[in-house]
């Protein structure tokens, strides 16, 4: 799941790199977030490496959208 989310994240970063914050957030919430959400619900990550892999994808997206490390998105795991 983390690999699939990374591919979707890189696609978004390539396509909407010059977009505004709202467009980037909408692209993340519609393309990447459902993949991670599905992975958390079905996969039930219990190992620290699995949790950190999904958090890393979300943190990278937050940095891309908000141009900082913090975001108002809630953690999925």
PDB file of N, CA and C in Angstrom:
ATOM      1  N   UNK A   1       0.815  -1.198   0.000  1.00  0.00           N
ATOM      2  CA  UNK A   1       0.000   0.000   0.000  1.00  0.00           C
ATOM      3  C   UNK A   1       0.859   1.263   0.000  1.00  0.00           C
ATOM      4  N   UNK A   2       1.924   1.236   0.766  1.00  0.00           N
ATOM      5  CA  UNK A   2       2.780   2.420   0.829  1.00  0.00           C
ATOM      6  C   UNK A   2       3.399   2.708  -0.543  1.00  0.00           C
ATOM      7  N   UNK A   3       3.782   1.661  -1.253  1.00  0.00           N
ATOM      8  CA  UNK A   3       4.377   1.832  -2.592  1.00  0.00           C
ATOM      9  C   UNK A   3       3.362   2.417  -3.568  1.00  0.00           C
ATOM     10  N   UNK A   4       2.132   1.962  -3.497  1.00  0.00           N
ATOM     11  CA  UNK A   4       1.082   2.483  -4.378  1.00  0.00           C
ATOM     12  C   UNK A   4       0.780   3.944  -4.039  1.00  0.00           C
ATOM     13  N   UNK A   5       0.772   4.261  -2.758  1.00  0.00           N
ATOM     14  CA  UNK A   5       0.545   5.648  -2.339  1.00  0.00           C
ATOM     15  C   UNK A   5       1.691   6.545  -2.799  1.00  0.00           C
ATOM     16  N   UNK A   6       2.936   6.036  -2.748  1.00  0.00           N
ATOM     17  CA  UNK A   6       4.080   6.811  -3.227  1.00  0.00           C
ATOM     18  C   UNK A   6       3.954   7.128  -4.710  1.00  0.00           C
ATOM     19  N   UNK A   7       3.524   6.126  -5.490  1.00  0.00           N
ATOM     20  CA  UNK A   7       3.372   6.357  -6.930  1.00  0.00           C
ATOM     21  C   UNK A   7       2.330   7.434  -7.200  1.00  0.00           C
ATOM     22  N   UNK A   8       1.211   7.375  -6.486  1.00  0.00           N
ATOM     23  CA  UNK A   8       0.167   8.388  -6.659  1.00  0.00           C
ATOM     24  C   UNK A   8       0.666   9.754  -6.206  1.00  0.00           C
ATOM     25  N   UNK A   9       1.421   9.796  -5.113  1.00  0.00           N
ATOM     26  CA  UNK A   9       1.963  11.052  -4.604  1.00  0.00           C
ATOM     27  C   UNK A   9       2.929  11.680  -5.604  1.00  0.00           C
ATOM     28  N   UNK A  10       3.804  10.888  -6.187  1.00  0.00           N
ATOM     29  CA  UNK A  10       4.748  11.418  -7.175  1.00  0.00           C
ATOM     30  C   UNK A  10       4.032  11.890  -8.433  1.00  0.00           C
ATOM     31  N   UNK A  11       2.960  11.217  -8.814  1.00  0.00           N
ATOM     32  CA  UNK A  11       2.154  11.663  -9.949  1.00  0.00           C
ATOM     33  C   UNK A  11       1.571  13.045  -9.665  1.00  0.00           C
ATOM     34  N   UNK A  12       1.030  13.228  -8.473  1.00  0.00           N
ATOM     35  CA  UNK A  12       0.455  14.522  -8.092  1.00  0.00           C
ATOM     36  C   UNK A  12       1.539  15.593  -8.064  1.00  0.00           C
ATOM     37  N   UNK A  13       2.686  15.267  -7.492  1.00  0.00           N
ATOM     38  CA  UNK A  13       3.765  16.248  -7.402  1.00  0.00           C
ATOM     39  C   UNK A  13       4.244  16.672  -8.783  1.00  0.00           C
ATOM     40  N   UNK A  14       4.204  15.770  -9.730  1.00  0.00           N
ATOM     41  CA  UNK A  14       4.635  16.085 -11.094  1.00  0.00           C
ATOM     42  C   UNK A  14       3.589  16.930 -11.833  1.00  0.00           C
ATOM     43  N   UNK A  15       2.314  16.609 -11.654  1.00  0.00           N
ATOM     44  CA  UNK A  15       1.252  17.277 -12.403  1.00  0.00           C
ATOM     45  C   UNK A  15       0.912  18.661 -11.844  1.00  0.00           C
ATOM     46  N   UNK A  16       0.744  18.780 -10.534  1.00  0.00           N
ATOM     47  CA  UNK A  16       0.273  20.046  -9.955  1.00  0.00           C
ATOM     48  C   UNK A  16       1.355  20.768  -9.160  1.00  0.00           C
ATOM     49  N   UNK A  17       2.586  20.729  -9.624  1.00  0.00           N
ATOM     50  CA  UNK A  17       3.659  21.365  -8.880  1.00  0.00           C
ATOM     51  C   UNK A  17       3.536  22.887  -8.834  1.00  0.00           C
ATOM     52  N   UNK A  18       2.844  23.484  -9.782  1.00  0.00           N
ATOM     53  CA  UNK A  18       2.688  24.946  -9.785  1.00  0.00           C
ATOM     54  C   UNK A  18       1.304  25.384  -9.325  1.00  0.00           C
ATOM     55  N   UNK A  19       0.521  24.460  -8.794  1.00  0.00           N
ATOM     56  CA  UNK A  19      -0.816  24.802  -8.325  1.00  0.00           C
ATOM     57  C   UNK A  19      -0.790  25.458  -6.960  1.00  0.00           C
ATOM     58  N   UNK A  20      -1.933  25.974  -6.556  1.00  0.00           N
ATOM     59  CA  UNK A  20      -2.019  26.597  -5.244  1.00  0.00           C
ATOM     60  C   UNK A  20      -2.276  25.538  -4.166  1.00  0.00           C
ATOM     61  N   UNK A  21      -2.322  25.971  -2.923  1.00  0.00           N
ATOM     62  CA  UNK A  21      -2.463  25.079  -1.777  1.00  0.00           C
ATOM     63  C   UNK A  21      -3.762  24.281  -1.835  1.00  0.00           C
ATOM     64  N   UNK A  22      -4.850  24.918  -2.220  1.00  0.00           N
ATOM     65  CA  UNK A  22      -6.142  24.234  -2.259  1.00  0.00           C
ATOM     66  C   UNK A  22      -6.177  23.148  -3.334  1.00  0.00           C
ATOM     67  N   UNK A  23      -5.604  23.423  -4.475  1.00  0.00           N
ATOM     68  CA  UNK A  23      -5.587  22.433  -5.554  1.00  0.00           C
ATOM     69  C   UNK A  23      -4.717  21.233  -5.179  1.00  0.00           C
ATOM     70  N   UNK A  24      -3.571  21.484  -4.557  1.00  0.00           N
ATOM     71  CA  UNK A  24      -2.702  20.397  -4.133  1.00  0.00           C
ATOM     72  C   UNK A  24      -3.363  19.551  -3.052  1.00  0.00           C
ATOM     73  N   UNK A  25      -4.023  20.214  -2.121  1.00  0.00           N
ATOM     74  CA  UNK A  25      -4.711  19.492  -1.051  1.00  0.00           C
ATOM     75  C   UNK A  25      -5.854  18.654  -1.602  1.00  0.00           C
ATOM     76  N   UNK A  26      -6.598  19.204  -2.530  1.00  0.00           N
ATOM     77  CA  UNK A  26      -7.700  18.458  -3.143  1.00  0.00           C
ATOM     78  C   UNK A  26      -7.181  17.251  -3.923  1.00  0.00           C
ATOM     79  N   UNK A  27      -6.074  17.428  -4.633  1.00  0.00           N
ATOM     80  CA  UNK A  27      -5.492  16.310  -5.378  1.00  0.00           C
ATOM     81  C   UNK A  27      -5.028  15.214  -4.421  1.00  0.00           C
ATOM     82  N   UNK A  28      -4.402  15.599  -3.315  1.00  0.00           N
ATOM     83  CA  UNK A  28      -3.968  14.598  -2.331  1.00  0.00           C
ATOM     84  C   UNK A  28      -5.163  13.877  -1.728  1.00  0.00           C
ATOM     85  N   UNK A  29      -6.168  14.643  -1.315  1.00  0.00           N
ATOM     86  CA  UNK A  29      -7.334  14.047  -0.649  1.00  0.00           C
ATOM     87  C   UNK A  29      -8.140  13.149  -1.582  1.00  0.00           C
ATOM     88  N   UNK A  30      -8.075  13.384  -2.874  1.00  0.00           N
ATOM     89  CA  UNK A  30      -8.866  12.556  -3.787  1.00  0.00           C
ATOM     90  C   UNK A  30      -8.085  11.387  -4.373  1.00  0.00           C
ATOM     91  N   UNK A  31      -6.755  11.475  -4.450  1.00  0.00           N
ATOM     92  CA  UNK A  31      -5.983  10.405  -5.081  1.00  0.00           C
ATOM     93  C   UNK A  31      -5.127   9.578  -4.109  1.00  0.00           C
ATOM     94  N   UNK A  32      -4.463  10.219  -3.167  1.00  0.00           N
ATOM     95  CA  UNK A  32      -3.540   9.502  -2.287  1.00  0.00           C
ATOM     96  C   UNK A  32      -4.204   9.079  -0.983  1.00  0.00           C
ATOM     97  N   UNK A  33      -4.944   9.961  -0.385  1.00  0.00           N
ATOM     98  CA  UNK A  33      -5.571   9.698   0.915  1.00  0.00           C
ATOM     99  C   UNK A  33      -6.448   8.437   0.913  1.00  0.00           C
ATOM    100  N   UNK A  34      -7.276   8.198  -0.106  1.00  0.00           N
ATOM    101  CA  UNK A  34      -8.069   6.959  -0.103  1.00  0.00           C
ATOM    102  C   UNK A  34      -7.218   5.691  -0.141  1.00  0.00           C
ATOM    103  N   UNK A  35      -6.080   5.737  -0.809  1.00  0.00           N
ATOM    104  CA  UNK A  35      -5.197   4.567  -0.856  1.00  0.00           C
ATOM    105  C   UNK A  35      -4.657   4.266   0.537  1.00  0.00           C
ATOM    106  N   UNK A  36      -4.194   5.301   1.222  1.00  0.00           N
ATOM    107  CA  UNK A  36      -3.662   5.115   2.571  1.00  0.00           C
ATOM    108  C   UNK A  36      -4.768   4.695   3.527  1.00  0.00           C
ATOM    109  N   UNK A  37      -5.928   5.320   3.408  1.00  0.00           N
ATOM    110  CA  UNK A  37      -7.058   4.990   4.273  1.00  0.00           C
ATOM    111  C   UNK A  37      -7.488   3.537   4.088  1.00  0.00           C
ATOM    112  N   UNK A  38      -7.544   3.070   2.855  1.00  0.00           N
ATOM    113  CA  UNK A  38      -7.881   1.680   2.564  1.00  0.00           C
ATOM    114  C   UNK A  38      -6.830   0.740   3.136  1.00  0.00           C
ATOM    115  N   UNK A  39      -5.575   1.119   2.992  1.00  0.00           N
ATOM    116  CA  UNK A  39      -4.496   0.299   3.520  1.00  0.00           C
ATOM    117  C   UNK A  39      -4.551   0.165   5.026  1.00  0.00           C
ATOM    118  N   UNK A  40      -4.882   1.237   5.707  1.00  0.00           N
ATOM    119  CA  UNK A  40      -4.980   1.198   7.163  1.00  0.00           C
ATOM    120  C   UNK A  40      -6.153   0.329   7.598  1.00  0.00           C
ATOM    121  N   UNK A  41      -7.268   0.431   6.901  1.00  0.00           N
ATOM    122  CA  UNK A  41      -8.454  -0.331   7.287  1.00  0.00           C
ATOM    123  C   UNK A  41      -8.295  -1.828   7.019  1.00  0.00           C
ATOM    124  N   UNK A  42      -7.733  -2.195   5.885  1.00  0.00           N
ATOM    125  CA  UNK A  42      -7.606  -3.606   5.517  1.00  0.00           C
ATOM    126  C   UNK A  42      -6.334  -4.243   6.053  1.00  0.00           C
ATOM    127  N   UNK A  43      -5.279  -3.514   6.038  1.00  0.00           N
ATOM    128  CA  UNK A  43      -3.962  -4.027   6.341  1.00  0.00           C
ATOM    129  C   UNK A  43      -3.715  -4.060   7.843  1.00  0.00           C
ATOM    130  N   UNK A  44      -4.293  -3.109   8.593  1.00  0.00           N
ATOM    131  CA  UNK A  44      -4.137  -2.980  10.035  1.00  0.00           C
ATOM    132  C   UNK A  44      -2.659  -3.019  10.425  1.00  0.00           C
ATOM    133  N   UNK A  45      -1.916  -1.969  10.069  1.00  0.00           N
ATOM    134  CA  UNK A  45      -0.477  -1.987  10.336  1.00  0.00           C
ATOM    135  C   UNK A  45      -0.189  -1.988  11.840  1.00  0.00           C
ATOM    136  N   UNK A  46       0.593  -2.951  12.278  1.00  0.00           N
ATOM    137  CA  UNK A  46       0.919  -3.030  13.686  1.00  0.00           C
ATOM    138  C   UNK A  46       2.411  -2.930  13.939  1.00  0.00           C
ATOM    139  N   UNK A  47       3.206  -3.083  12.902  1.00  0.00           N
ATOM    140  CA  UNK A  47       4.649  -2.939  13.048  1.00  0.00           C
ATOM    141  C   UNK A  47       5.036  -1.476  12.889  1.00  0.00           C
ATOM    142  N   UNK A  48       6.056  -1.098  13.616  1.00  0.00           N
ATOM    143  CA  UNK A  48       6.508   0.297  13.580  1.00  0.00           C
ATOM    144  C   UNK A  48       6.962   0.712  12.180  1.00  0.00           C
ATOM    145  N   UNK A  49       7.597  -0.202  11.432  1.00  0.00           N
ATOM    146  CA  UNK A  49       8.063   0.154  10.087  1.00  0.00           C
ATOM    147  C   UNK A  49       6.886   0.378   9.137  1.00  0.00           C
ATOM    148  N   UNK A  50       5.795  -0.371   9.304  1.00  0.00           N
ATOM    149  CA  UNK A  50       4.619  -0.192   8.460  1.00  0.00           C
ATOM    150  C   UNK A  50       3.928   1.137   8.768  1.00  0.00           C
ATOM    151  N   UNK A  51       3.821   1.445  10.040  1.00  0.00           N
ATOM    152  CA  UNK A  51       3.201   2.709  10.449  1.00  0.00           C
ATOM    153  C   UNK A  51       4.042   3.890   9.969  1.00  0.00           C
ATOM    154  N   UNK A  52       5.360   3.786  10.135  1.00  0.00           N
ATOM    155  CA  UNK A  52       6.217   4.899   9.724  1.00  0.00           C
ATOM    156  C   UNK A  52       6.217   5.082   8.202  1.00  0.00           C
ATOM    157  N   UNK A  53       6.048   3.989   7.442  1.00  0.00           N
ATOM    158  CA  UNK A  53       5.991   4.109   5.981  1.00  0.00           C
ATOM    159  C   UNK A  53       4.765   4.900   5.549  1.00  0.00           C
ATOM    160  N   UNK A  54       3.622   4.621   6.147  1.00  0.00           N
ATOM    161  CA  UNK A  54       2.403   5.358   5.801  1.00  0.00           C
ATOM    162  C   UNK A  54       2.464   6.799   6.293  1.00  0.00           C
ATOM    163  N   UNK A  55       3.019   7.011   7.489  1.00  0.00           N
ATOM    164  CA  UNK A  55       3.172   8.375   7.999  1.00  0.00           C
ATOM    165  C   UNK A  55       4.139   9.181   7.144  1.00  0.00           C
ATOM    166  N   UNK A  56       5.161   8.527   6.622  1.00  0.00           N
ATOM    167  CA  UNK A  56       6.139   9.213   5.787  1.00  0.00           C
ATOM    168  C   UNK A  56       5.489   9.727   4.494  1.00  0.00           C
ATOM    169  N   UNK A  57       4.619   8.929   3.905  1.00  0.00           N
ATOM    170  CA  UNK A  57       3.902   9.361   2.698  1.00  0.00           C
ATOM    171  C   UNK A  57       3.041  10.578   3.013  1.00  0.00           C
ATOM    172  N   UNK A  58       2.315  10.512   4.139  1.00  0.00           N
ATOM    173  CA  UNK A  58       1.434  11.618   4.499  1.00  0.00           C
ATOM    174  C   UNK A  58       2.230  12.875   4.854  1.00  0.00           C
ATOM    175  N   UNK A  59       3.348  12.725   5.554  1.00  0.00           N
ATOM    176  CA  UNK A  59       4.166  13.884   5.905  1.00  0.00           C
ATOM    177  C   UNK A  59       4.790  14.527   4.668  1.00  0.00           C
ATOM    178  N   UNK A  60       5.200  13.705   3.722  1.00  0.00           N
ATOM    179  CA  UNK A  60       5.758  14.226   2.464  1.00  0.00           C
ATOM    180  C   UNK A  60       4.693  15.021   1.702  1.00  0.00           C
ATOM    181  N   UNK A  61       3.461  14.520   1.693  1.00  0.00           N
ATOM    182  CA  UNK A  61       2.371  15.231   1.029  1.00  0.00           C
ATOM    183  C   UNK A  61       2.067  16.541   1.748  1.00  0.00           C
ATOM    184  N   UNK A  62       2.102  16.531   3.079  1.00  0.00           N
ATOM    185  CA  UNK A  62       1.849  17.755   3.840  1.00  0.00           C
ATOM    186  C   UNK A  62       2.924  18.803   3.561  1.00  0.00           C
ATOM    187  N   UNK A  63       4.154  18.349   3.442  1.00  0.00           N
ATOM    188  CA  UNK A  63       5.246  19.282   3.135  1.00  0.00           C
ATOM    189  C   UNK A  63       5.085  19.859   1.736  1.00  0.00           C
ATOM    190  N   UNK A  64       4.620  19.036   0.786  1.00  0.00           N
ATOM    191  CA  UNK A  64       4.409  19.490  -0.583  1.00  0.00           C
ATOM    192  C   UNK A  64       3.256  20.499  -0.658  1.00  0.00           C
ATOM    193  N   UNK A  65       2.187  20.227   0.062  1.00  0.00           N
ATOM    194  CA  UNK A  65       1.004  21.084  -0.005  1.00  0.00           C
ATOM    195  C   UNK A  65       1.188  22.360   0.804  1.00  0.00           C
ATOM    196  N   UNK A  66       1.656  22.235   2.037  1.00  0.00           N
ATOM    197  CA  UNK A  66       1.711  23.377   2.949  1.00  0.00           C
ATOM    198  C   UNK A  66       3.078  24.055   3.004  1.00  0.00           C
ATOM    199  N   UNK A  67       4.059  23.524   2.288  1.00  0.00           N
ATOM    200  CA  UNK A  67       5.427  24.062   2.260  1.00  0.00           C
ATOM    201  C   UNK A  67       6.050  24.119   3.652  1.00  0.00           C
ATOM    202  N   UNK A  68       5.626  23.220   4.523  1.00  0.00           N
ATOM    203  CA  UNK A  68       6.212  23.082   5.860  1.00  0.00           C
ATOM    204  C   UNK A  68       5.942  21.671   6.344  1.00  0.00           C
ATOM    205  N   UNK A  69       6.516  21.288   7.468  1.00  0.00           N
ATOM    206  CA  UNK A  69       6.347  19.936   8.000  1.00  0.00           C
ATOM    207  C   UNK A  69       4.980  19.698   8.625  1.00  0.00           C
ATOM    208  N   UNK A  70       4.336  20.739   9.129  1.00  0.00           N
ATOM    209  CA  UNK A  70       3.073  20.578   9.831  1.00  0.00           C
ATOM    210  C   UNK A  70       1.886  20.642   8.906  1.00  0.00           C
ATOM    211  N   UNK A  71       0.804  20.033   9.313  1.00  0.00           N
ATOM    212  CA  UNK A  71      -0.428  20.090   8.532  1.00  0.00           C
ATOM    213  C   UNK A  71      -1.622  19.955   9.462  1.00  0.00           C
ATOM    214  N   UNK A  72      -2.780  20.262   8.943  1.00  0.00           N
ATOM    215  CA  UNK A  72      -3.992  20.112   9.747  1.00  0.00           C
ATOM    216  C   UNK A  72      -4.664  18.764   9.509  1.00  0.00           C
ATOM    217  N   UNK A  73      -4.034  17.905   8.736  1.00  0.00           N
ATOM    218  CA  UNK A  73      -4.581  16.574   8.488  1.00  0.00           C
ATOM    219  C   UNK A  73      -4.354  15.686   9.698  1.00  0.00           C
ATOM    220  N   UNK A  74      -5.334  14.863  10.003  1.00  0.00           N
ATOM    221  CA  UNK A  74      -5.177  13.944  11.124  1.00  0.00           C
ATOM    222  C   UNK A  74      -4.409  12.708  10.685  1.00  0.00           C
ATOM    223  N   UNK A  75      -3.721  12.098  11.634  1.00  0.00           N
ATOM    224  CA  UNK A  75      -2.959  10.886  11.339  1.00  0.00           C
ATOM    225  C   UNK A  75      -3.927   9.730  11.120  1.00  0.00           C
ATOM    226  N   UNK A  76      -3.634   8.890  10.159  1.00  0.00           N
ATOM    227  CA  UNK A  76      -4.521   7.784   9.833  1.00  0.00           C
ATOM    228  C   UNK A  76      -4.271   6.547  10.666  1.00  0.00           C
ATOM    229  N   UNK A  77      -3.087   6.413  11.208  1.00  0.00           N
ATOM    230  CA  UNK A  77      -2.760   5.220  11.993  1.00  0.00           C
ATOM    231  C   UNK A  77      -2.705   5.509  13.458  1.00  0.00           C
TER     232      UNK A  77
END
